[in-house]
Structure formats: structure tokens, C-alpha cells
All heavy atoms as atom14 arrays in JSON, in Angstrom:
{
  "sequence": "QPEWLTRRLAEAPRAPFSLYQQIGSWEDRPFDLSPGVSHLVANRHFR",
  "atom14_mask": [
    [1, 1, 1, 1, 1, 1, 1, 1, 1, 0, 0, 0, 0, 0],
    [1, 1, 1, 1, 1, 1, 1, 0, 0, 0, 0, 0, 0, 0],
    [1, 1, 1, 1, 1, 1, 1, 1, 1, 0, 0, 0, 0, 0],
    [1, 1, 1, 1, 1, 1, 1, 1, 1, 1, 1, 1, 1, 1],
    [1, 1, 1, 1, 1, 1, 1, 1, 0, 0, 0, 0, 0, 0],
    [1, 1, 1, 1, 1, 1, 1, 0, 0, 0, 0, 0, 0, 0],
    [1, 1, 1, 1, 1, 1, 1, 1, 1, 1, 1, 0, 0, 0],
    [1, 1, 1, 1, 1, 1, 1, 1, 1, 1, 1, 0, 0, 0],
    [1, 1, 1, 1, 1, 1, 1, 1, 0, 0, 0, 0, 0, 0],
    [1, 1, 1, 1, 1, 0, 0, 0, 0, 0, 0, 0, 0, 0],
    [1, 1, 1, 1, 1, 1, 1, 1, 1, 0, 0, 0, 0, 0],
    [1, 1, 1, 1, 1, 0, 0, 0, 0, 0, 0, 0, 0, 0],
    [1, 1, 1, 1, 1, 1, 1, 0, 0, 0, 0, 0, 0, 0],
    [1, 1, 1, 1, 1, 1, 1, 1, 1, 1, 1, 0, 0, 0],
    [1, 1, 1, 1, 1, 0, 0, 0, 0, 0, 0, 0, 0, 0],
    [1, 1, 1, 1, 1, 1, 1, 0, 0, 0, 0, 0, 0, 0],
    [1, 1, 1, 1, 1, 1, 1, 1, 1, 1, 1, 0, 0, 0],
    [1, 1, 1, 1, 1, 1, 0, 0, 0, 0, 0, 0, 0, 0],
    [1, 1, 1, 1, 1, 1, 1, 1, 0, 0, 0, 0, 0, 0],
    [1, 1, 1, 1, 1, 1, 1, 1, 1, 1, 1, 1, 0, 0],
    [1, 1, 1, 1, 1, 1, 1, 1, 1, 0, 0, 0, 0, 0],
    [1, 1, 1, 1, 1, 1, 1, 1, 1, 0, 0, 0, 0, 0],
    [1, 1, 1, 1, 1, 1, 1, 1, 0, 0, 0, 0, 0, 0],
    [1, 1, 1, 1, 0, 0, 0, 0, 0, 0, 0, 0, 0, 0],
    [1, 1, 1, 1, 1, 1, 0, 0, 0, 0, 0, 0, 0, 0],
    [1, 1, 1, 1, 1, 1, 1, 1, 1, 1, 1, 1, 1, 1],
    [1, 1, 1, 1, 1, 1, 1, 1, 1, 0, 0, 0, 0, 0],
    [1, 1, 1, 1, 1, 1, 1, 1, 0, 0, 0, 0, 0, 0],
    [1, 1, 1, 1, 1, 1, 1, 1, 1, 1, 1, 0, 0, 0],
    [1, 1, 1, 1, 1, 1, 1, 0, 0, 0, 0, 0, 0, 0],
    [1, 1, 1, 1, 1, 1, 1, 1, 1, 1, 1, 0, 0, 0],
    [1, 1, 1, 1, 1, 1, 1, 1, 0, 0, 0, 0, 0, 0],
    [1, 1, 1, 1, 1, 1, 1, 1, 0, 0, 0, 0, 0, 0],
    [1, 1, 1, 1, 1, 1, 0, 0, 0, 0, 0, 0, 0, 0],
    [1, 1, 1, 1, 1, 1, 1, 0, 0, 0, 0, 0, 0, 0],
    [1, 1, 1, 1, 0, 0, 0, 0, 0, 0, 0, 0, 0, 0],
    [1, 1, 1, 1, 1, 1, 1, 0, 0, 0, 0, 0, 0, 0],
    [1, 1, 1, 1, 1, 1, 0, 0, 0, 0, 0, 0, 0, 0],
    [1, 1, 1, 1, 1, 1, 1, 1, 1, 1, 0, 0, 0, 0],
    [1, 1, 1, 1, 1, 1, 1, 1, 0, 0, 0, 0, 0, 0],
    [1, 1, 1, 1, 1, 1, 1, 0, 0, 0, 0, 0, 0, 0],
    [1, 1, 1, 1, 1, 0, 0, 0, 0, 0, 0, 0, 0, 0],
    [1, 1, 1, 1, 1, 1, 1, 1, 0, 0, 0, 0, 0, 0],
    [1, 1, 1, 1, 1, 1, 1, 1, 1, 1, 1, 0, 0, 0],
    [1, 1, 1, 1, 1, 1, 1, 1, 1, 1, 0, 0, 0, 0],
    [1, 1, 1, 1, 1, 1, 1, 1, 1, 1, 1, 0, 0, 0],
    [1, 1, 1, 1, 1, 1, 1, 1, 1, 1, 1, 0, 0, 0]
  ],
  "atom14_positions": [
    [[143.82, -53.13, -5.77], [142.74, -53.47, -6.69], [143.34, -53.98, -8.0], [144.42, -53.54, -8.41], [141.86, -52.25, -6.99], [141.22, -51.62, -5.77], [140.39, -50.42, -6.15], [139.4, -50.54, -6.88], [140.77, -49.25, -5.68], [0.0, 0.0, 0.0], [0.0, 0.0, 0.0], [0.0, 0.0, 0.0], [0.0, 0.0, 0.0], [0.0, 0.0, 0.0]],
    [[142.64, -54.88, -8.68], [143.16, -55.37, -9.97], [142.95, -54.35, -11.09], [142.28, -53.34, -10.92], [142.33, -56.63, -10.21], [141.04, -56.36, -9.52], [141.39, -55.55, -8.29], [0.0, 0.0, 0.0], [0.0, 0.0, 0.0], [0.0, 0.0, 0.0], [0.0, 0.0, 0.0], [0.0, 0.0, 0.0], [0.0, 0.0, 0.0], [0.0, 0.0, 0.0]],
    [[143.57, -54.63, -12.24], [143.34, -53.89, -13.49], [143.65, -52.4, -13.35], [142.89, -51.54, -13.79], [141.91, -54.12, -13.99], [141.58, -55.59, -14.23], [140.21, -55.8, -14.8], [139.97, -55.32, -15.92], [139.38, -56.43, -14.13], [0.0, 0.0, 0.0], [0.0, 0.0, 0.0], [0.0, 0.0, 0.0], [0.0, 0.0, 0.0], [0.0, 0.0, 0.0]],
    [[144.82, -52.09, -12.8], [145.19, -50.69, -12.59], [145.29, -49.93, -13.91], [144.83, -48.79, -14.02], [146.53, -50.62, -11.84], [146.98, -49.22, -11.56], [146.64, -48.45, -10.48], [147.83, -48.41, -12.39], [147.23, -47.21, -10.58], [147.97, -47.16, -11.74], [148.49, -48.62, -13.6], [148.74, -46.12, -12.27], [149.26, -47.58, -14.13], [149.38, -46.35, -13.47]],
    [[145.91, -50.52, -14.93], [146.12, -49.78, -16.17], [144.79, -49.52, -16.89], [144.63, -48.47, -17.52], [147.08, -50.55, -17.09], [147.53, -49.77, -18.34], [148.24, -48.49, -17.94], [148.41, -50.62, -19.23], [0.0, 0.0, 0.0], [0.0, 0.0, 0.0], [0.0, 0.0, 0.0], [0.0, 0.0, 0.0], [0.0, 0.0, 0.0], [0.0, 0.0, 0.0]],
    [[143.85, -50.42, -16.79], [142.53, -50.19, -17.38], [141.85, -49.0, -16.71], [141.24, -48.16, -17.38], [141.66, -51.44, -17.25], [142.32, -52.54, -17.9], [140.3, -51.24, -17.89], [0.0, 0.0, 0.0], [0.0, 0.0, 0.0], [0.0, 0.0, 0.0], [0.0, 0.0, 0.0], [0.0, 0.0, 0.0], [0.0, 0.0, 0.0], [0.0, 0.0, 0.0]],
    [[141.97, -48.93, -15.4], [141.41, -47.77, -14.69], [142.14, -46.49, -15.07], [141.52, -45.43, -15.23], [141.47, -48.02, -13.18], [140.51, -49.1, -12.71], [140.55, -49.33, -11.22], [141.64, -50.22, -10.81], [142.58, -49.91, -9.95], [142.62, -48.69, -9.4], [143.51, -50.79, -9.6], [0.0, 0.0, 0.0], [0.0, 0.0, 0.0], [0.0, 0.0, 0.0]],
    [[143.44, -46.57, -15.26], [144.22, -45.42, -15.69], [143.82, -45.0, -17.1], [143.7, -43.8, -17.41], [145.71, -45.79, -15.65], [146.65, -44.76, -16.26], [146.88, -43.59, -15.36], [147.85, -42.68, -15.94], [147.72, -41.37, -15.95], [146.67, -40.78, -15.4], [148.65, -40.6, -16.49], [0.0, 0.0, 0.0], [0.0, 0.0, 0.0], [0.0, 0.0, 0.0]],
    [[143.6, -45.97, -17.99], [143.18, -45.68, -19.36], [141.85, -44.93, -19.38], [141.64, -44.04, -20.21], [143.05, -46.98, -20.14], [142.77, -46.88, -21.63], [144.04, -46.52, -22.39], [142.21, -48.2, -22.18], [0.0, 0.0, 0.0], [0.0, 0.0, 0.0], [0.0, 0.0, 0.0], [0.0, 0.0, 0.0], [0.0, 0.0, 0.0], [0.0, 0.0, 0.0]],
    [[140.96, -45.29, -18.49], [139.64, -44.65, -18.44], [139.71, -43.2, -18.01], [138.84, -42.39, -18.38], [138.73, -45.43, -17.48], [0.0, 0.0, 0.0], [0.0, 0.0, 0.0], [0.0, 0.0, 0.0], [0.0, 0.0, 0.0], [0.0, 0.0, 0.0], [0.0, 0.0, 0.0], [0.0, 0.0, 0.0], [0.0, 0.0, 0.0], [0.0, 0.0, 0.0]],
    [[140.75, -42.85, -17.24], [140.83, -41.51, -16.67], [141.78, -40.58, -17.41], [141.57, -39.36, -17.43], [141.3, -41.61, -15.21], [140.35, -42.4, -14.31], [140.97, -42.72, -12.96], [142.17, -42.4, -12.78], [140.25, -43.27, -12.1], [0.0, 0.0, 0.0], [0.0, 0.0, 0.0], [0.0, 0.0, 0.0], [0.0, 0.0, 0.0], [0.0, 0.0, 0.0]],
    [[142.83, -41.11, -18.01], [143.86, -40.28, -18.62], [143.39, -39.71, -19.96], [142.53, -40.29, -20.63], [145.13, -41.11, -18.84], [0.0, 0.0, 0.0], [0.0, 0.0, 0.0], [0.0, 0.0, 0.0], [0.0, 0.0, 0.0], [0.0, 0.0, 0.0], [0.0, 0.0, 0.0], [0.0, 0.0, 0.0], [0.0, 0.0, 0.0], [0.0, 0.0, 0.0]],
    [[143.95, -38.56, -20.37], [143.66, -38.06, -21.72], [144.03, -39.11, -22.76], [145.01, -39.84, -22.6], [144.56, -36.82, -21.83], [144.81, -36.41, -20.41], [144.85, -37.67, -19.61], [0.0, 0.0, 0.0], [0.0, 0.0, 0.0], [0.0, 0.0, 0.0], [0.0, 0.0, 0.0], [0.0, 0.0, 0.0], [0.0, 0.0, 0.0], [0.0, 0.0, 0.0]],
    [[143.24, -39.2, -23.81], [143.49, -40.22, -24.83], [144.82, -39.95, -25.52], [145.08, -38.86, -26.0], [142.36, -40.25, -25.86], [142.51, -41.36, -26.89], [141.22, -41.59, -27.67], [140.84, -40.44, -28.45], [141.27, -40.18, -29.69], [142.11, -41.01, -30.28], [140.88, -39.1, -30.33], [0.0, 0.0, 0.0], [0.0, 0.0, 0.0], [0.0, 0.0, 0.0]],
    [[145.67, -40.98, -25.57], [146.98, -40.87, -26.21], [146.86, -41.32, -27.67], [146.09, -42.23, -27.99], [148.01, -41.73, -25.49], [0.0, 0.0, 0.0], [0.0, 0.0, 0.0], [0.0, 0.0, 0.0], [0.0, 0.0, 0.0], [0.0, 0.0, 0.0], [0.0, 0.0, 0.0], [0.0, 0.0, 0.0], [0.0, 0.0, 0.0], [0.0, 0.0, 0.0]],
    [[147.63, -40.71, -28.57], [147.49, -40.99, -30.01], [148.26, -42.22, -30.47], [149.18, -42.12, -31.28], [148.03, -39.72, -30.66], [149.07, -39.25, -29.7], [148.57, -39.59, -28.33], [0.0, 0.0, 0.0], [0.0, 0.0, 0.0], [0.0, 0.0, 0.0], [0.0, 0.0, 0.0], [0.0, 0.0, 0.0], [0.0, 0.0, 0.0], [0.0, 0.0, 0.0]],
    [[147.89, -43.4, -29.97], [148.52, -44.62, -30.46], [147.46, -45.64, -30.84], [146.36, -45.64, -30.29], [149.5, -45.21, -29.44], [148.88, -45.73, -28.17], [148.38, -47.02, -28.08], [148.8, -44.92, -27.04], [147.81, -47.51, -26.91], [148.24, -45.39, -25.86], [147.75, -46.69, -25.79], [0.0, 0.0, 0.0], [0.0, 0.0, 0.0], [0.0, 0.0, 0.0]],
    [[147.8, -46.5, -31.79], [146.94, -47.6, -32.19], [147.4, -48.86, -31.48], [148.58, -49.01, -31.14], [147.0, -47.81, -33.71], [146.55, -46.66, -34.39], [0.0, 0.0, 0.0], [0.0, 0.0, 0.0], [0.0, 0.0, 0.0], [0.0, 0.0, 0.0], [0.0, 0.0, 0.0], [0.0, 0.0, 0.0], [0.0, 0.0, 0.0], [0.0, 0.0, 0.0]],
    [[146.48, -49.8, -31.31], [146.78, -50.98, -30.5], [146.31, -52.25, -31.2], [145.17, -52.34, -31.66], [146.08, -50.87, -29.14], [146.22, -52.04, -28.16], [147.64, -52.15, -27.65], [145.26, -51.86, -26.99], [0.0, 0.0, 0.0], [0.0, 0.0, 0.0], [0.0, 0.0, 0.0], [0.0, 0.0, 0.0], [0.0, 0.0, 0.0], [0.0, 0.0, 0.0]],
    [[147.22, -53.22, -31.28], [146.85, -54.6, -31.6], [146.88, -55.36, -30.28], [147.91, -55.41, -29.6], [147.81, -55.23, -32.6], [147.62, -56.73, -32.74], [146.68, -57.26, -33.63], [148.35, -57.61, -31.96], [146.5, -58.63, -33.74], [148.18, -58.99, -32.06], [147.25, -59.49, -32.95], [147.07, -60.84, -33.05], [0.0, 0.0, 0.0], [0.0, 0.0, 0.0]],
    [[145.75, -55.94, -29.92], [145.62, -56.62, -28.62], [145.19, -58.06, -28.85], [144.11, -58.33, -29.37], [144.6, -55.9, -27.74], [144.41, -56.53, -26.37], [143.21, -55.96, -25.62], [142.55, -55.04, -26.1], [142.91, -56.5, -24.46], [0.0, 0.0, 0.0], [0.0, 0.0, 0.0], [0.0, 0.0, 0.0], [0.0, 0.0, 0.0], [0.0, 0.0, 0.0]],
    [[146.03, -59.0, -28.43], [145.71, -60.42, -28.56], [145.57, -61.04, -27.18], [146.26, -60.67, -26.23], [146.82, -61.14, -29.34], [146.6, -62.64, -29.52], [147.16, -63.5, -28.37], [147.97, -63.02, -27.58], [146.72, -64.74, -28.29], [0.0, 0.0, 0.0], [0.0, 0.0, 0.0], [0.0, 0.0, 0.0], [0.0, 0.0, 0.0], [0.0, 0.0, 0.0]],
    [[144.67, -62.02, -27.08], [144.52, -62.81, -25.86], [144.02, -64.2, -26.27], [143.37, -64.36, -27.31], [143.55, -62.14, -24.86], [143.54, -62.87, -23.51], [142.15, -62.07, -25.45], [144.82, -62.83, -22.75], [0.0, 0.0, 0.0], [0.0, 0.0, 0.0], [0.0, 0.0, 0.0], [0.0, 0.0, 0.0], [0.0, 0.0, 0.0], [0.0, 0.0, 0.0]],
    [[144.36, -65.19, -25.47], [143.92, -66.55, -25.75], [142.66, -66.91, -24.99], [142.52, -66.58, -23.81], [0.0, 0.0, 0.0], [0.0, 0.0, 0.0], [0.0, 0.0, 0.0], [0.0, 0.0, 0.0], [0.0, 0.0, 0.0], [0.0, 0.0, 0.0], [0.0, 0.0, 0.0], [0.0, 0.0, 0.0], [0.0, 0.0, 0.0], [0.0, 0.0, 0.0]],
    [[141.75, -67.6, -25.64], [140.51, -67.99, -24.97], [140.75, -69.03, -23.88], [139.92, -69.21, -22.99], [139.5, -68.53, -26.0], [140.03, -69.65, -26.69], [0.0, 0.0, 0.0], [0.0, 0.0, 0.0], [0.0, 0.0, 0.0], [0.0, 0.0, 0.0], [0.0, 0.0, 0.0], [0.0, 0.0, 0.0], [0.0, 0.0, 0.0], [0.0, 0.0, 0.0]],
    [[141.92, -69.71, -23.91], [142.26, -70.66, -22.85], [142.85, -69.98, -21.63], [143.19, -70.64, -20.65], [143.22, -71.73, -23.39], [142.52, -72.75, -24.22], [142.43, -72.78, -25.58], [141.78, -73.89, -23.75], [141.68, -73.85, -25.99], [141.27, -74.55, -24.88], [141.51, -74.41, -22.49], [140.51, -75.72, -24.8], [140.75, -75.56, -22.39], [140.26, -76.2, -23.54]],
    [[142.96, -68.65, -21.68], [143.5, -67.91, -20.54], [142.37, -67.4, -19.64], [142.4, -66.28, -19.14], [144.36, -66.75, -21.03], [145.54, -67.2, -21.88], [146.45, -66.07, -22.29], [147.12, -65.51, -21.42], [146.46, -65.74, -23.49], [0.0, 0.0, 0.0], [0.0, 0.0, 0.0], [0.0, 0.0, 0.0], [0.0, 0.0, 0.0], [0.0, 0.0, 0.0]],
    [[141.37, -68.23, -19.45], [140.16, -67.8, -18.76], [140.14, -68.14, -17.28], [139.11, -68.1, -16.64], [138.93, -68.4, -19.44], [138.94, -69.92, -19.44], [140.01, -70.5, -19.18], [137.89, -70.53, -19.71], [0.0, 0.0, 0.0], [0.0, 0.0, 0.0], [0.0, 0.0, 0.0], [0.0, 0.0, 0.0], [0.0, 0.0, 0.0], [0.0, 0.0, 0.0]],
    [[141.29, -68.48, -16.72], [141.34, -68.71, -15.28], [142.23, -67.64, -14.65], [143.06, -67.03, -15.32], [141.91, -70.1, -14.97], [143.35, -70.3, -15.39], [143.89, -71.64, -14.93], [145.27, -71.86, -15.34], [146.32, -71.41, -14.68], [146.15, -70.68, -13.57], [147.54, -71.66, -15.11], [0.0, 0.0, 0.0], [0.0, 0.0, 0.0], [0.0, 0.0, 0.0]],
    [[142.07, -67.4, -13.35], [142.93, -66.42, -12.69], [144.38, -66.85, -12.71], [144.7, -68.04, -12.62], [142.4, -66.38, -11.24], [141.0, -66.9, -11.34], [141.01, -67.89, -12.46], [0.0, 0.0, 0.0], [0.0, 0.0, 0.0], [0.0, 0.0, 0.0], [0.0, 0.0, 0.0], [0.0, 0.0, 0.0], [0.0, 0.0, 0.0], [0.0, 0.0, 0.0]],
    [[145.29, -65.9, -12.83], [146.7, -66.18, -12.72], [147.06, -66.44, -11.27], [146.47, -65.87, -10.35], [147.51, -64.99, -13.24], [148.02, -65.17, -14.64], [147.27, -65.85, -15.59], [149.25, -64.68, -15.01], [147.74, -66.03, -16.86], [149.74, -64.84, -16.29], [148.99, -65.51, -17.22], [0.0, 0.0, 0.0], [0.0, 0.0, 0.0], [0.0, 0.0, 0.0]],
    [[148.05, -67.3, -11.07], [148.49, -67.58, -9.71], [148.99, -66.33, -9.01], [148.89, -66.21, -7.79], [149.61, -68.63, -9.73], [149.15, -69.92, -10.39], [148.07, -70.42, -10.02], [149.86, -70.42, -11.27], [0.0, 0.0, 0.0], [0.0, 0.0, 0.0], [0.0, 0.0, 0.0], [0.0, 0.0, 0.0], [0.0, 0.0, 0.0], [0.0, 0.0, 0.0]],
    [[149.53, -65.38, -9.78], [150.07, -64.16, -9.2], [149.02, -63.07, -9.06], [149.33, -61.98, -8.59], [151.24, -63.65, -10.04], [152.39, -64.65, -10.22], [153.46, -64.07, -11.12], [152.97, -65.04, -8.87], [0.0, 0.0, 0.0], [0.0, 0.0, 0.0], [0.0, 0.0, 0.0], [0.0, 0.0, 0.0], [0.0, 0.0, 0.0], [0.0, 0.0, 0.0]],
    [[147.79, -63.32, -9.47], [146.72, -62.35, -9.31], [145.42, -63.09, -9.01], [144.54, -63.23, -9.86], [146.55, -61.52, -10.59], [145.6, -60.49, -10.39], [0.0, 0.0, 0.0], [0.0, 0.0, 0.0], [0.0, 0.0, 0.0], [0.0, 0.0, 0.0], [0.0, 0.0, 0.0], [0.0, 0.0, 0.0], [0.0, 0.0, 0.0], [0.0, 0.0, 0.0]],
    [[145.28, -63.58, -7.78], [144.12, -64.43, -7.44], [142.8, -63.73, -7.72], [142.61, -62.54, -7.43], [144.32, -64.66, -5.93], [145.77, -64.45, -5.7], [146.2, -63.39, -6.66], [0.0, 0.0, 0.0], [0.0, 0.0, 0.0], [0.0, 0.0, 0.0], [0.0, 0.0, 0.0], [0.0, 0.0, 0.0], [0.0, 0.0, 0.0], [0.0, 0.0, 0.0]],
    [[141.88, -64.49, -8.32], [140.53, -63.99, -8.53], [140.33, -63.21, -9.81], [139.21, -62.79, -10.1], [0.0, 0.0, 0.0], [0.0, 0.0, 0.0], [0.0, 0.0, 0.0], [0.0, 0.0, 0.0], [0.0, 0.0, 0.0], [0.0, 0.0, 0.0], [0.0, 0.0, 0.0], [0.0, 0.0, 0.0], [0.0, 0.0, 0.0], [0.0, 0.0, 0.0]],
    [[141.38, -62.97, -10.59], [141.26, -62.16, -11.8], [141.55, -63.02, -13.03], [142.65, -63.56, -13.16], [142.23, -60.96, -11.77], [142.02, -60.09, -13.01], [142.03, -60.14, -10.5], [0.0, 0.0, 0.0], [0.0, 0.0, 0.0], [0.0, 0.0, 0.0], [0.0, 0.0, 0.0], [0.0, 0.0, 0.0], [0.0, 0.0, 0.0], [0.0, 0.0, 0.0]],
    [[140.58, -63.15, -13.9], [140.77, -63.9, -15.13], [141.56, -63.07, -16.13], [141.22, -61.91, -16.41], [139.4, -64.27, -15.73], [139.53, -64.63, -17.1], [0.0, 0.0, 0.0], [0.0, 0.0, 0.0], [0.0, 0.0, 0.0], [0.0, 0.0, 0.0], [0.0, 0.0, 0.0], [0.0, 0.0, 0.0], [0.0, 0.0, 0.0], [0.0, 0.0, 0.0]],
    [[142.61, -63.66, -16.67], [143.43, -62.99, -17.68], [142.58, -62.61, -18.89], [142.7, -61.5, -19.43], [144.55, -63.94, -18.08], [145.75, -63.27, -18.67], [146.5, -62.34, -18.01], [146.34, -63.42, -19.89], [147.49, -61.93, -18.78], [147.42, -62.57, -19.93], [0.0, 0.0, 0.0], [0.0, 0.0, 0.0], [0.0, 0.0, 0.0], [0.0, 0.0, 0.0]],
    [[141.72, -63.52, -19.32], [140.87, -63.27, -20.48], [139.88, -62.15, -20.2], [139.72, -61.22, -21.01], [140.13, -64.57, -20.85], [139.09, -64.48, -21.96], [139.7, -64.02, -23.26], [138.38, -65.83, -22.14], [0.0, 0.0, 0.0], [0.0, 0.0, 0.0], [0.0, 0.0, 0.0], [0.0, 0.0, 0.0], [0.0, 0.0, 0.0], [0.0, 0.0, 0.0]],
    [[139.21, -62.21, -19.07], [138.21, -61.19, -18.74], [138.87, -59.82, -18.59], [138.33, -58.8, -19.03], [137.45, -61.57, -17.46], [136.58, -60.43, -16.97], [136.6, -62.82, -17.71], [0.0, 0.0, 0.0], [0.0, 0.0, 0.0], [0.0, 0.0, 0.0], [0.0, 0.0, 0.0], [0.0, 0.0, 0.0], [0.0, 0.0, 0.0], [0.0, 0.0, 0.0]],
    [[140.06, -59.77, -17.99], [140.78, -58.51, -17.84], [141.11, -57.9, -19.2], [141.02, -56.68, -19.4], [142.05, -58.7, -17.02], [0.0, 0.0, 0.0], [0.0, 0.0, 0.0], [0.0, 0.0, 0.0], [0.0, 0.0, 0.0], [0.0, 0.0, 0.0], [0.0, 0.0, 0.0], [0.0, 0.0, 0.0], [0.0, 0.0, 0.0], [0.0, 0.0, 0.0]],
    [[141.48, -58.75, -20.18], [141.76, -58.24, -21.52], [140.49, -57.75, -22.21], [140.5, -56.73, -22.91], [142.44, -59.32, -22.36], [143.95, -59.22, -22.31], [144.58, -58.62, -23.18], [144.55, -59.78, -21.27], [0.0, 0.0, 0.0], [0.0, 0.0, 0.0], [0.0, 0.0, 0.0], [0.0, 0.0, 0.0], [0.0, 0.0, 0.0], [0.0, 0.0, 0.0]],
    [[139.41, -58.46, -22.04], [138.15, -58.01, -22.64], [137.71, -56.68, -22.03], [137.2, -55.79, -22.74], [137.07, -59.07, -22.43], [137.26, -60.32, -23.27], [136.24, -61.39, -22.9], [136.31, -62.56, -23.78], [135.65, -63.69, -23.57], [134.85, -63.81, -22.5], [135.77, -64.71, -24.41], [0.0, 0.0, 0.0], [0.0, 0.0, 0.0], [0.0, 0.0, 0.0]],
    [[137.93, -56.52, -20.73], [137.57, -55.26, -20.08], [138.43, -54.12, -20.61], [137.92, -53.03, -20.92], [137.73, -55.41, -18.56], [137.25, -54.23, -17.8], [137.7, -53.93, -16.53], [136.36, -53.25, -18.12], [137.1, -52.83, -16.1], [136.28, -52.41, -17.05], [0.0, 0.0, 0.0], [0.0, 0.0, 0.0], [0.0, 0.0, 0.0], [0.0, 0.0, 0.0]],
    [[139.74, -54.36, -20.74], [140.63, -53.34, -21.28], [140.18, -52.96, -22.7], [140.14, -51.78, -23.05], [142.07, -53.84, -21.29], [143.05, -52.8, -21.76], [143.68, -51.97, -20.87], [143.35, -52.67, -23.12], [144.57, -51.01, -21.3], [144.23, -51.71, -23.56], [144.86, -50.87, -22.65], [0.0, 0.0, 0.0], [0.0, 0.0, 0.0], [0.0, 0.0, 0.0]],
    [[139.86, -53.96, -23.52], [139.38, -53.69, -24.89], [138.17, -52.78, -24.87], [138.09, -51.8, -25.64], [139.03, -55.02, -25.55], [138.31, -54.92, -26.89], [137.52, -56.17, -27.19], [136.47, -56.42, -26.2], [135.77, -57.55, -26.1], [136.05, -58.56, -26.92], [134.83, -57.67, -25.2], [0.0, 0.0, 0.0], [0.0, 0.0, 0.0], [0.0, 0.0, 0.0]]
  ]
}
């Protein structure tokens, strides 16, 4: 399944770190190495 770390983040105890998260709006197509998953959408979901 895609987005393993996002699923892990949802389940694990909250860790005490702050996050700066950047993504490009032109990254809105699936990566060749992860068919069917938009890089942009995956980042928005993680956010």
C-alpha cells in the first residue's frame, strides 16, 4: 500500500519534533517508481 509513513504517523505516539514540509505544485503526477500516487497529494495527506 502507498503512504506507509503517513499511516505510521497516524498510529504512533506523537513525537516531540517540529516539521518544515515543502512540496512543489508541479509534482502533481504519480512518480514512475510509485504508480498511481501523486507526490503532491501524498504530501498534502501527510500534512
